[in-house]
Amino acid sequence: MIVPSVTHEVGFSAIAGSVLLQIHYEDAMVMNHSRMQHLIAITNLSYHADSLRPQWHEARER
């Protein structure tokens, strides 16, 4: 039962993340370049971690 709930959480966080990116898009335009690169790196890293989470739970249950 734990894997579907985690998958649902990942899907929800991905949707919430894209909404937040849209809201902050104009603010990001005024940021300097290095700050923007940093923001993109953090976003990619957290998305990658979320996408790995379901497999991590499956591997732990074995």
PDB file of N, CA and C in Angstrom:
ATOM      1  N   MET A   1       0.820  -1.218   0.000  1.00  0.00           N
ATOM      2  CA  MET A   1       0.000   0.000   0.000  1.00  0.00           C
ATOM      3  C   MET A   1       0.855   1.270   0.000  1.00  0.00           C
ATOM      4  N   ILE A   2       2.116   1.151   0.398  1.00  0.00           N
ATOM      5  CA  ILE A   2       2.930   2.365   0.525  1.00  0.00           C
ATOM      6  C   ILE A   2       3.343   2.939  -0.837  1.00  0.00           C
ATOM      7  N   VAL A   3       3.521   2.085  -1.837  1.00  0.00           N
ATOM      8  CA  VAL A   3       4.020   2.560  -3.135  1.00  0.00           C
ATOM      9  C   VAL A   3       3.017   3.452  -3.862  1.00  0.00           C
ATOM     10  N   PRO A   4       1.688   3.074  -3.947  1.00  0.00           N
ATOM     11  CA  PRO A   4       0.745   3.975  -4.617  1.00  0.00           C
ATOM     12  C   PRO A   4       0.649   5.350  -3.961  1.00  0.00           C
ATOM     13  N   SER A   5       0.674   5.415  -2.619  1.00  0.00           N
ATOM     14  CA  SER A   5       0.567   6.704  -1.949  1.00  0.00           C
ATOM     15  C   SER A   5       1.790   7.580  -2.236  1.00  0.00           C
ATOM     16  N   VAL A   6       2.964   6.963  -2.289  1.00  0.00           N
ATOM     17  CA  VAL A   6       4.177   7.707  -2.628  1.00  0.00           C
ATOM     18  C   VAL A   6       4.112   8.212  -4.065  1.00  0.00           C
ATOM     19  N   THR A   7       3.635   7.352  -4.982  1.00  0.00           N
ATOM     20  CA  THR A   7       3.510   7.756  -6.385  1.00  0.00           C
ATOM     21  C   THR A   7       2.551   8.928  -6.519  1.00  0.00           C
ATOM     22  N   HIS A   8       1.443   8.883  -5.778  1.00  0.00           N
ATOM     23  CA  HIS A   8       0.466   9.973  -5.804  1.00  0.00           C
ATOM     24  C   HIS A   8       1.109  11.273  -5.313  1.00  0.00           C
ATOM     25  N   GLU A   9       1.899  11.156  -4.246  1.00  0.00           N
ATOM     26  CA  GLU A   9       2.587  12.320  -3.682  1.00  0.00           C
ATOM     27  C   GLU A   9       3.560  12.924  -4.695  1.00  0.00           C
ATOM     28  N   VAL A  10       4.272  12.074  -5.429  1.00  0.00           N
ATOM     29  CA  VAL A  10       5.213  12.539  -6.450  1.00  0.00           C
ATOM     30  C   VAL A  10       4.472  13.291  -7.548  1.00  0.00           C
ATOM     31  N   GLY A  11       3.347  12.735  -8.022  1.00  0.00           N
ATOM     32  CA  GLY A  11       2.559  13.387  -9.057  1.00  0.00           C
ATOM     33  C   GLY A  11       2.056  14.738  -8.593  1.00  0.00           C
ATOM     34  N   PHE A  12       1.579  14.805  -7.355  1.00  0.00           N
ATOM     35  CA  PHE A  12       1.056  16.052  -6.817  1.00  0.00           C
ATOM     36  C   PHE A  12       2.156  17.097  -6.688  1.00  0.00           C
ATOM     37  N   SER A  13       3.335  16.695  -6.189  1.00  0.00           N
ATOM     38  CA  SER A  13       4.423  17.659  -6.011  1.00  0.00           C
ATOM     39  C   SER A  13       4.915  18.175  -7.360  1.00  0.00           C
ATOM     40  N   ALA A  14       4.867  17.315  -8.409  1.00  0.00           N
ATOM     41  CA  ALA A  14       5.265  17.762  -9.743  1.00  0.00           C
ATOM     42  C   ALA A  14       4.307  18.828 -10.253  1.00  0.00           C
ATOM     43  N   ILE A  15       2.997  18.629 -10.045  1.00  0.00           N
ATOM     44  CA  ILE A  15       1.997  19.616 -10.476  1.00  0.00           C
ATOM     45  C   ILE A  15       2.164  20.907  -9.683  1.00  0.00           C
ATOM     46  N   ALA A  16       2.296  20.796  -8.364  1.00  0.00           N
ATOM     47  CA  ALA A  16       2.462  21.979  -7.517  1.00  0.00           C
ATOM     48  C   ALA A  16       3.722  22.748  -7.903  1.00  0.00           C
ATOM     49  N   GLY A  17       4.785  22.004  -8.222  1.00  0.00           N
ATOM     50  CA  GLY A  17       6.041  22.637  -8.621  1.00  0.00           C
ATOM     51  C   GLY A  17       5.898  23.449  -9.896  1.00  0.00           C
ATOM     52  N   SER A  18       5.167  22.911 -10.880  1.00  0.00           N
ATOM     53  CA  SER A  18       5.003  23.636 -12.139  1.00  0.00           C
ATOM     54  C   SER A  18       4.155  24.888 -11.938  1.00  0.00           C
ATOM     55  N   VAL A  19       3.164  24.807 -11.057  1.00  0.00           N
ATOM     56  CA  VAL A  19       2.349  25.991 -10.748  1.00  0.00           C
ATOM     57  C   VAL A  19       3.205  27.065 -10.090  1.00  0.00           C
ATOM     58  N   LEU A  20       4.049  26.649  -9.128  1.00  0.00           N
ATOM     59  CA  LEU A  20       4.938  27.599  -8.464  1.00  0.00           C
ATOM     60  C   LEU A  20       5.909  28.235  -9.457  1.00  0.00           C
ATOM     61  N   LEU A  21       6.408  27.441 -10.410  1.00  0.00           N
ATOM     62  CA  LEU A  21       7.319  27.980 -11.420  1.00  0.00           C
ATOM     63  C   LEU A  21       6.628  29.041 -12.259  1.00  0.00           C
ATOM     64  N   GLN A  22       5.355  28.827 -12.601  1.00  0.00           N
ATOM     65  CA  GLN A  22       4.604  29.819 -13.373  1.00  0.00           C
ATOM     66  C   GLN A  22       4.419  31.105 -12.574  1.00  0.00           C
ATOM     67  N   ILE A  23       4.086  30.959 -11.288  1.00  0.00           N
ATOM     68  CA  ILE A  23       3.876  32.134 -10.435  1.00  0.00           C
ATOM     69  C   ILE A  23       5.155  32.966 -10.328  1.00  0.00           C
ATOM     70  N   HIS A  24       6.298  32.297 -10.184  1.00  0.00           N
ATOM     71  CA  HIS A  24       7.560  32.998  -9.961  1.00  0.00           C
ATOM     72  C   HIS A  24       8.319  33.301 -11.253  1.00  0.00           C
ATOM     73  N   TYR A  25       7.686  33.065 -12.395  1.00  0.00           N
ATOM     74  CA  TYR A  25       8.389  33.239 -13.670  1.00  0.00           C
ATOM     75  C   TYR A  25       8.868  34.668 -13.860  1.00  0.00           C
ATOM     76  N   GLU A  26       7.980  35.642 -13.599  1.00  0.00           N
ATOM     77  CA  GLU A  26       8.363  37.047 -13.779  1.00  0.00           C
ATOM     78  C   GLU A  26       9.474  37.447 -12.810  1.00  0.00           C
ATOM     79  N   ASP A  27       9.393  36.980 -11.565  1.00  0.00           N
ATOM     80  CA  ASP A  27      10.452  37.260 -10.589  1.00  0.00           C
ATOM     81  C   ASP A  27      11.784  36.680 -11.057  1.00  0.00           C
ATOM     82  N   ALA A  28      11.739  35.495 -11.664  1.00  0.00           N
ATOM     83  CA  ALA A  28      12.957  34.845 -12.134  1.00  0.00           C
ATOM     84  C   ALA A  28      13.613  35.648 -13.255  1.00  0.00           C
ATOM     85  N   MET A  29      12.805  36.343 -14.055  1.00  0.00           N
ATOM     86  CA  MET A  29      13.338  37.144 -15.144  1.00  0.00           C
ATOM     87  C   MET A  29      14.236  38.275 -14.635  1.00  0.00           C
ATOM     88  N   VAL A  30      13.939  38.787 -13.430  1.00  0.00           N
ATOM     89  CA  VAL A  30      14.745  39.889 -12.893  1.00  0.00           C
ATOM     90  C   VAL A  30      15.974  39.415 -12.119  1.00  0.00           C
ATOM     91  N   MET A  31      16.002  38.114 -11.804  1.00  0.00           N
ATOM     92  CA  MET A  31      17.159  37.577 -11.074  1.00  0.00           C
ATOM     93  C   MET A  31      18.427  37.670 -11.918  1.00  0.00           C
ATOM     94  N   ASN A  32      19.565  37.710 -11.247  1.00  0.00           N
ATOM     95  CA  ASN A  32      20.816  37.631 -12.023  1.00  0.00           C
ATOM     96  C   ASN A  32      21.042  36.197 -12.497  1.00  0.00           C
ATOM     97  N   HIS A  33      21.963  36.013 -13.420  1.00  0.00           N
ATOM     98  CA  HIS A  33      22.098  34.738 -14.124  1.00  0.00           C
ATOM     99  C   HIS A  33      22.493  33.596 -13.191  1.00  0.00           C
ATOM    100  N   SER A  34      23.441  33.814 -12.302  1.00  0.00           N
ATOM    101  CA  SER A  34      23.912  32.734 -11.437  1.00  0.00           C
ATOM    102  C   SER A  34      22.812  32.264 -10.479  1.00  0.00           C
ATOM    103  N   ARG A  35      21.994  33.212 -10.009  1.00  0.00           N
ATOM    104  CA  ARG A  35      20.883  32.842  -9.119  1.00  0.00           C
ATOM    105  C   ARG A  35      19.888  31.953  -9.879  1.00  0.00           C
ATOM    106  N   MET A  36      19.638  32.298 -11.129  1.00  0.00           N
ATOM    107  CA  MET A  36      18.710  31.526 -11.947  1.00  0.00           C
ATOM    108  C   MET A  36      19.242  30.111 -12.182  1.00  0.00           C
ATOM    109  N   GLN A  37      20.536  29.998 -12.480  1.00  0.00           N
ATOM    110  CA  GLN A  37      21.162  28.682 -12.682  1.00  0.00           C
ATOM    111  C   GLN A  37      21.007  27.826 -11.423  1.00  0.00           C
ATOM    112  N   HIS A  38      21.194  28.449 -10.271  1.00  0.00           N
ATOM    113  CA  HIS A  38      21.093  27.762  -8.989  1.00  0.00           C
ATOM    114  C   HIS A  38      19.673  27.231  -8.783  1.00  0.00           C
ATOM    115  N   LEU A  39      18.683  28.069  -9.100  1.00  0.00           N
ATOM    116  CA  LEU A  39      17.275  27.684  -8.964  1.00  0.00           C
ATOM    117  C   LEU A  39      16.950  26.488  -9.858  1.00  0.00           C
ATOM    118  N   ILE A  40      17.436  26.523 -11.095  1.00  0.00           N
ATOM    119  CA  ILE A  40      17.202  25.426 -12.038  1.00  0.00           C
ATOM    120  C   ILE A  40      17.852  24.137 -11.522  1.00  0.00           C
ATOM    121  N   ALA A  41      19.070  24.247 -10.996  1.00  0.00           N
ATOM    122  CA  ALA A  41      19.771  23.068 -10.476  1.00  0.00           C
ATOM    123  C   ALA A  41      18.997  22.438  -9.316  1.00  0.00           C
ATOM    124  N   ILE A  42      18.498  23.266  -8.395  1.00  0.00           N
ATOM    125  CA  ILE A  42      17.731  22.755  -7.253  1.00  0.00           C
ATOM    126  C   ILE A  42      16.446  22.083  -7.731  1.00  0.00           C
ATOM    127  N   THR A  43      15.755  22.710  -8.692  1.00  0.00           N
ATOM    128  CA  THR A  43      14.506  22.145  -9.222  1.00  0.00           C
ATOM    129  C   THR A  43      14.755  20.788  -9.856  1.00  0.00           C
ATOM    130  N   ASN A  44      15.790  20.683 -10.678  1.00  0.00           N
ATOM    131  CA  ASN A  44      16.118  19.412 -11.332  1.00  0.00           C
ATOM    132  C   ASN A  44      16.483  18.342 -10.305  1.00  0.00           C
ATOM    133  N   LEU A  45      17.244  18.722  -9.302  1.00  0.00           N
ATOM    134  CA  LEU A  45      17.679  17.774  -8.282  1.00  0.00           C
ATOM    135  C   LEU A  45      16.493  17.238  -7.488  1.00  0.00           C
ATOM    136  N   SER A  46      15.586  18.121  -7.068  1.00  0.00           N
ATOM    137  CA  SER A  46      14.437  17.673  -6.279  1.00  0.00           C
ATOM    138  C   SER A  46      13.488  16.828  -7.120  1.00  0.00           C
ATOM    139  N   TYR A  47      13.344  17.160  -8.405  1.00  0.00           N
ATOM    140  CA  TYR A  47      12.495  16.349  -9.286  1.00  0.00           C
ATOM    141  C   TYR A  47      13.092  14.952  -9.453  1.00  0.00           C
ATOM    142  N   HIS A  48      14.409  14.892  -9.616  1.00  0.00           N
ATOM    143  CA  HIS A  48      15.098  13.609  -9.765  1.00  0.00           C
ATOM    144  C   HIS A  48      14.925  12.760  -8.500  1.00  0.00           C
ATOM    145  N   ALA A  49      15.058  13.381  -7.353  1.00  0.00           N
ATOM    146  CA  ALA A  49      14.892  12.667  -6.083  1.00  0.00           C
ATOM    147  C   ALA A  49      13.462  12.140  -5.950  1.00  0.00           C
ATOM    148  N   ASP A  50      12.466  12.952  -6.331  1.00  0.00           N
ATOM    149  CA  ASP A  50      11.067  12.516  -6.265  1.00  0.00           C
ATOM    150  C   ASP A  50      10.823  11.340  -7.196  1.00  0.00           C
ATOM    151  N   SER A  51      11.422  11.361  -8.369  1.00  0.00           N
ATOM    152  CA  SER A  51      11.184  10.287  -9.332  1.00  0.00           C
ATOM    153  C   SER A  51      11.834   8.975  -8.868  1.00  0.00           C
ATOM    154  N   LEU A  52      12.862   9.062  -8.029  1.00  0.00           N
ATOM    155  CA  LEU A  52      13.524   7.855  -7.521  1.00  0.00           C
ATOM    156  C   LEU A  52      12.830   7.281  -6.283  1.00  0.00           C
ATOM    157  N   ARG A  53      12.030   8.080  -5.622  1.00  0.00           N
ATOM    158  CA  ARG A  53      11.459   7.666  -4.344  1.00  0.00           C
ATOM    159  C   ARG A  53      10.626   6.381  -4.423  1.00  0.00           C
ATOM    160  N   PRO A  54       9.730   6.203  -5.425  1.00  0.00           N
ATOM    161  CA  PRO A  54       8.963   4.954  -5.466  1.00  0.00           C
ATOM    162  C   PRO A  54       9.843   3.705  -5.594  1.00  0.00           C
ATOM    163  N   GLN A  55      10.875   3.748  -6.430  1.00  0.00           N
ATOM    164  CA  GLN A  55      11.771   2.597  -6.571  1.00  0.00           C
ATOM    165  C   GLN A  55      12.504   2.323  -5.256  1.00  0.00           C
ATOM    166  N   TRP A  56      12.843   3.377  -4.541  1.00  0.00           N
ATOM    167  CA  TRP A  56      13.538   3.212  -3.264  1.00  0.00           C
ATOM    168  C   TRP A  56      12.663   2.443  -2.280  1.00  0.00           C
ATOM    169  N   HIS A  57      11.373   2.765  -2.245  1.00  0.00           N
ATOM    170  CA  HIS A  57      10.451   2.053  -1.355  1.00  0.00           C
ATOM    171  C   HIS A  57      10.302   0.593  -1.765  1.00  0.00           C
ATOM    172  N   GLU A  58      10.206   0.354  -3.077  1.00  0.00           N
ATOM    173  CA  GLU A  58      10.072  -1.030  -3.543  1.00  0.00           C
ATOM    174  C   GLU A  58      11.314  -1.851  -3.189  1.00  0.00           C
ATOM    175  N   ALA A  59      12.484  -1.254  -3.368  1.00  0.00           N
ATOM    176  CA  ALA A  59      13.733  -1.959  -3.077  1.00  0.00           C
ATOM    177  C   ALA A  59      13.847  -2.244  -1.579  1.00  0.00           C
ATOM    178  N   ARG A  60      13.377  -1.316  -0.739  1.00  0.00           N
ATOM    179  CA  ARG A  60      13.490  -1.482   0.701  1.00  0.00           C
ATOM    180  C   ARG A  60      12.580  -2.603   1.205  1.00  0.00           C
ATOM    181  N   GLU A  61      11.426  -2.804   0.527  1.00  0.00           N
ATOM    182  CA  GLU A  61      10.484  -3.827   0.984  1.00  0.00           C
ATOM    183  C   GLU A  61      10.950  -5.242   0.661  1.00  0.00           C
ATOM    184  N   ARG A  62      11.884  -5.412  -0.274  1.00  0.00           N
ATOM    185  CA  ARG A  62      12.352  -6.761  -0.648  1.00  0.00           C
ATOM    186  C   ARG A  62      13.171  -7.430   0.449  1.00  0.00           C
TER     187      ARG A  62
END
